[in-house]
Amino acid sequence: MKYILWLIVLLISGFLQYVLLLMVSACLVDSKRFYDKHNGYYRWLLNSSTWLLIFFGRIHFHTKGMDRIPTDQRFLMVSNHKSKLDPITTWYLLKDYDVAFISKEENFHVPFWGNIIRKCCFLAIDRENPRKAMETVNKAADLIKDDQVSIYVYPEGTRNFGEGLLPFHNGVFKIAQKADVPIVICGIKGADMIKKNAPFHRSDVYFEVLDVISADEAKTMRCNDIGDHARDLMLGFIEQKEGEEKKNVNLRTV
């Protein structure tokens, strides 16, 4: 019994030291500065702290097509967006790829994590100001060209609280065209159930790579055409998963 108590004390002590490290490291970041160099230490802080959510939230990933993600070059990745936990679960799932998200300004003011994502080259975007939004697009393209990170962006621009997909902001595809990289089109579903299920029930998050448009092909396409193609694939993914959910519910009620 004594050894078990010592083990518990050591675990609690280690956890508190880790939290202190996280807080101090975040406080050392200049919240008014744009960081254009990816920092491996802060990426480790981001991934390790996210692991706690994954573990205690009892999140179970179902993935498909991950082998299609380029490993020899940077890329632009896009997907649908329904839950505030979409990016958190996704950056952990893609932890081997050093992916930086384009996100709303408010997320950079979340205590501690707001500063940590700054050091990982995450970018804020002003959706109400087209000129500033284009500046973010150019910064994202530069980060890719400098081989700092790959970029993840939601073409819908914000979370969708309804059915289907919101209208796309197709200008985000210019990032891939400017950086001369592939576009990885993905679908995600299930993260919106984590808040309801955790910690007593498991949450299943589905993430699928639907298509990869090569850099050469992306340069020859109009952004609207890329958006139409991505939209069709994402809608198909959503409809398929919703159909599977209904089928499973019907089987359980039989």
Foldseek 3Di string as FASTA:
>chain_A
DVVVVVVVVVVVVVVVVLVVVLQVVLVVFDLVDQDLAADPVLLVNLLVVLVVCCVQLQEDEDEADPVVPDPPAAEEEEEAAADPCVVSVVCNVVSVALEAEEEAPVCLVDRSVSSSSSNSRHHHADPVDVVRNVVRLVSQLVSRLVVRGHYYYYQLRDHDNDDAGHDGPLVSLVSLQSNLAKYWQKYKDFPRCSVVAGPPHHTYIYMYGQDIGGSVRSNVDDSVVVVVVSSVSHRVVVVVVVVVVVVVVVVVVD
